Amino acid sequence: MRLGKPIWWLLPGVFSLIVFAYLLTLVQTEAAGRAYAAYGGIYIAASLVWLWAVESVRPDRWDIAGASICLIGAAVILWGPRG
């Protein structure tokens, strides 16, 4: 809204949050926290894509490094060996 975009620009964000909330209900209860933690890494990376594609602000090397660390963390949470 601060960018002067029409109100319908909010719809993709609202829709994606609804889809995420629904998909989280499909995860087994004992793994829901893990799925939510992994979602954080994906959310950060998607935010940088939004920053670049919609707001026309190119992420710098620190943005990319931070998002990479988050995605690596999400991968460890999702696929790390469990006992």
C-alpha atoms as a PDB file:
ATOM      1  CA  MET A   1       0.000   0.000   0.000  1.00  0.00           C
ATOM      2  CA  ARG A   2       2.908   2.348   0.714  1.00  0.00           C
ATOM      3  CA  LEU A   3       4.066   1.874  -2.871  1.00  0.00           C
ATOM      4  CA  GLY A   4       0.781   3.193  -4.197  1.00  0.00           C
ATOM      5  CA  LYS A   5      -0.288  -0.195  -5.571  1.00  0.00           C
ATOM      6  CA  PRO A   6      -3.967  -1.137  -5.784  1.00  0.00           C
ATOM      7  CA  ILE A   7      -5.484  -3.089  -2.902  1.00  0.00           C
ATOM      8  CA  TRP A   8      -5.675  -6.290  -4.980  1.00  0.00           C
ATOM      9  CA  TRP A   9      -1.855  -6.540  -4.678  1.00  0.00           C
ATOM     10  CA  LEU A  10      -2.510  -7.846  -1.170  1.00  0.00           C
ATOM     11  CA  LEU A  11      -4.335 -10.900  -2.511  1.00  0.00           C
ATOM     12  CA  PRO A  12      -1.252 -13.013  -3.415  1.00  0.00           C
ATOM     13  CA  GLY A  13       0.171 -12.524   0.073  1.00  0.00           C
ATOM     14  CA  VAL A  14      -3.093 -13.324   1.809  1.00  0.00           C
ATOM     15  CA  PHE A  15      -3.628 -16.340  -0.427  1.00  0.00           C
ATOM     16  CA  SER A  16      -0.140 -17.700   0.244  1.00  0.00           C
ATOM     17  CA  LEU A  17      -0.640 -17.360   4.011  1.00  0.00           C
ATOM     18  CA  ILE A  18      -3.957 -19.202   3.794  1.00  0.00           C
ATOM     19  CA  VAL A  19      -2.380 -21.994   1.734  1.00  0.00           C
ATOM     20  CA  PHE A  20       0.510 -22.238   4.192  1.00  0.00           C
ATOM     21  CA  ALA A  21      -1.828 -22.442   7.182  1.00  0.00           C
ATOM     22  CA  TYR A  22      -3.858 -25.143   5.463  1.00  0.00           C
ATOM     23  CA  LEU A  23      -0.773 -27.171   4.489  1.00  0.00           C
ATOM     24  CA  LEU A  24       0.522 -26.949   8.048  1.00  0.00           C
ATOM     25  CA  THR A  25      -2.663 -28.674   9.235  1.00  0.00           C
ATOM     26  CA  LEU A  26      -1.761 -31.665   7.034  1.00  0.00           C
ATOM     27  CA  VAL A  27       1.579 -32.238   8.785  1.00  0.00           C
ATOM     28  CA  GLN A  28       1.688 -34.854  11.521  1.00  0.00           C
ATOM     29  CA  THR A  29       1.485 -33.213  14.942  1.00  0.00           C
ATOM     30  CA  GLU A  30       4.942 -34.239  16.130  1.00  0.00           C
ATOM     31  CA  ALA A  31       6.526 -32.718  13.011  1.00  0.00           C
ATOM     32  CA  ALA A  32       4.489 -29.491  12.795  1.00  0.00           C
ATOM     33  CA  GLY A  33       7.046 -27.440  14.719  1.00  0.00           C
ATOM     34  CA  ARG A  34       9.812 -28.688  12.447  1.00  0.00           C
ATOM     35  CA  ALA A  35       7.763 -27.822   9.349  1.00  0.00           C
ATOM     36  CA  TYR A  36       7.069 -24.344  10.713  1.00  0.00           C
ATOM     37  CA  ALA A  37      10.776 -23.783  11.461  1.00  0.00           C
ATOM     38  CA  ALA A  38      11.712 -24.852   7.925  1.00  0.00           C
ATOM     39  CA  TYR A  39       9.045 -22.512   6.564  1.00  0.00           C
ATOM     40  CA  GLY A  40      10.985 -19.621   8.087  1.00  0.00           C
ATOM     41  CA  GLY A  41      13.918 -20.221   5.749  1.00  0.00           C
ATOM     42  CA  ILE A  42      11.638 -20.402   2.726  1.00  0.00           C
ATOM     43  CA  TYR A  43       9.812 -17.245   3.815  1.00  0.00           C
ATOM     44  CA  ILE A  44      13.060 -15.275   4.044  1.00  0.00           C
ATOM     45  CA  ALA A  45      14.190 -16.371   0.582  1.00  0.00           C
ATOM     46  CA  ALA A  46      10.755 -15.594  -0.893  1.00  0.00           C
ATOM     47  CA  SER A  47      10.871 -12.152   0.714  1.00  0.00           C
ATOM     48  CA  LEU A  48      14.092 -11.380  -1.114  1.00  0.00           C
ATOM     49  CA  VAL A  49      12.576 -12.531  -4.399  1.00  0.00           C
ATOM     50  CA  TRP A  50       9.636 -10.208  -3.705  1.00  0.00           C
ATOM     51  CA  LEU A  51      12.046  -7.368  -2.882  1.00  0.00           C
ATOM     52  CA  TRP A  52      13.744  -7.806  -6.245  1.00  0.00           C
ATOM     53  CA  ALA A  53      10.754  -8.641  -8.473  1.00  0.00           C
ATOM     54  CA  VAL A  54       8.112  -6.313  -7.078  1.00  0.00           C
ATOM     55  CA  GLU A  55       9.930  -3.540  -5.258  1.00  0.00           C
ATOM     56  CA  SER A  56      12.790  -3.384  -7.801  1.00  0.00           C
ATOM     57  CA  VAL A  57      15.437  -3.447  -5.062  1.00  0.00           C
ATOM     58  CA  ARG A  58      18.242  -5.836  -5.902  1.00  0.00           C
ATOM     59  CA  PRO A  59      19.348  -7.911  -2.890  1.00  0.00           C
ATOM     60  CA  ASP A  60      22.994  -7.379  -1.968  1.00  0.00           C
ATOM     61  CA  ARG A  61      25.554 -10.031  -1.061  1.00  0.00           C
ATOM     62  CA  TRP A  62      24.566  -9.905   2.610  1.00  0.00           C
ATOM     63  CA  ASP A  63      20.921 -10.512   1.750  1.00  0.00           C
ATOM     64  CA  ILE A  64      21.906 -13.496  -0.391  1.00  0.00           C
ATOM     65  CA  ALA A  65      24.291 -14.829   2.264  1.00  0.00           C
ATOM     66  CA  GLY A  66      21.654 -14.537   4.989  1.00  0.00           C
ATOM     67  CA  ALA A  67      18.969 -16.229   2.896  1.00  0.00           C
ATOM     68  CA  SER A  68      21.426 -19.011   1.978  1.00  0.00           C
ATOM     69  CA  ILE A  69      22.194 -19.625   5.641  1.00  0.00           C
ATOM     70  CA  CYS A  70      18.465 -19.782   6.372  1.00  0.00           C
ATOM     71  CA  LEU A  71      17.829 -22.244   3.540  1.00  0.00           C
ATOM     72  CA  ILE A  72      20.715 -24.425   4.691  1.00  0.00           C
ATOM     73  CA  GLY A  73      19.237 -24.316   8.190  1.00  0.00           C
ATOM     74  CA  ALA A  74      15.828 -25.299   6.830  1.00  0.00           C
ATOM     75  CA  ALA A  75      17.421 -28.235   4.984  1.00  0.00           C
ATOM     76  CA  VAL A  76      19.160 -29.395   8.166  1.00  0.00           C
ATOM     77  CA  ILE A  77      15.876 -29.179  10.081  1.00  0.00           C
ATOM     78  CA  LEU A  78      13.972 -31.098   7.408  1.00  0.00           C
ATOM     79  CA  TRP A  79      16.487 -33.721   6.370  1.00  0.00           C
ATOM     80  CA  GLY A  80      18.918 -34.027   9.273  1.00  0.00           C
ATOM     81  CA  PRO A  81      19.395 -37.596  10.539  1.00  0.00           C
ATOM     82  CA  ARG A  82      17.136 -38.452  13.446  1.00  0.00           C
ATOM     83  CA  GLY A  83      17.768 -41.121  16.035  1.00  0.00           C
END
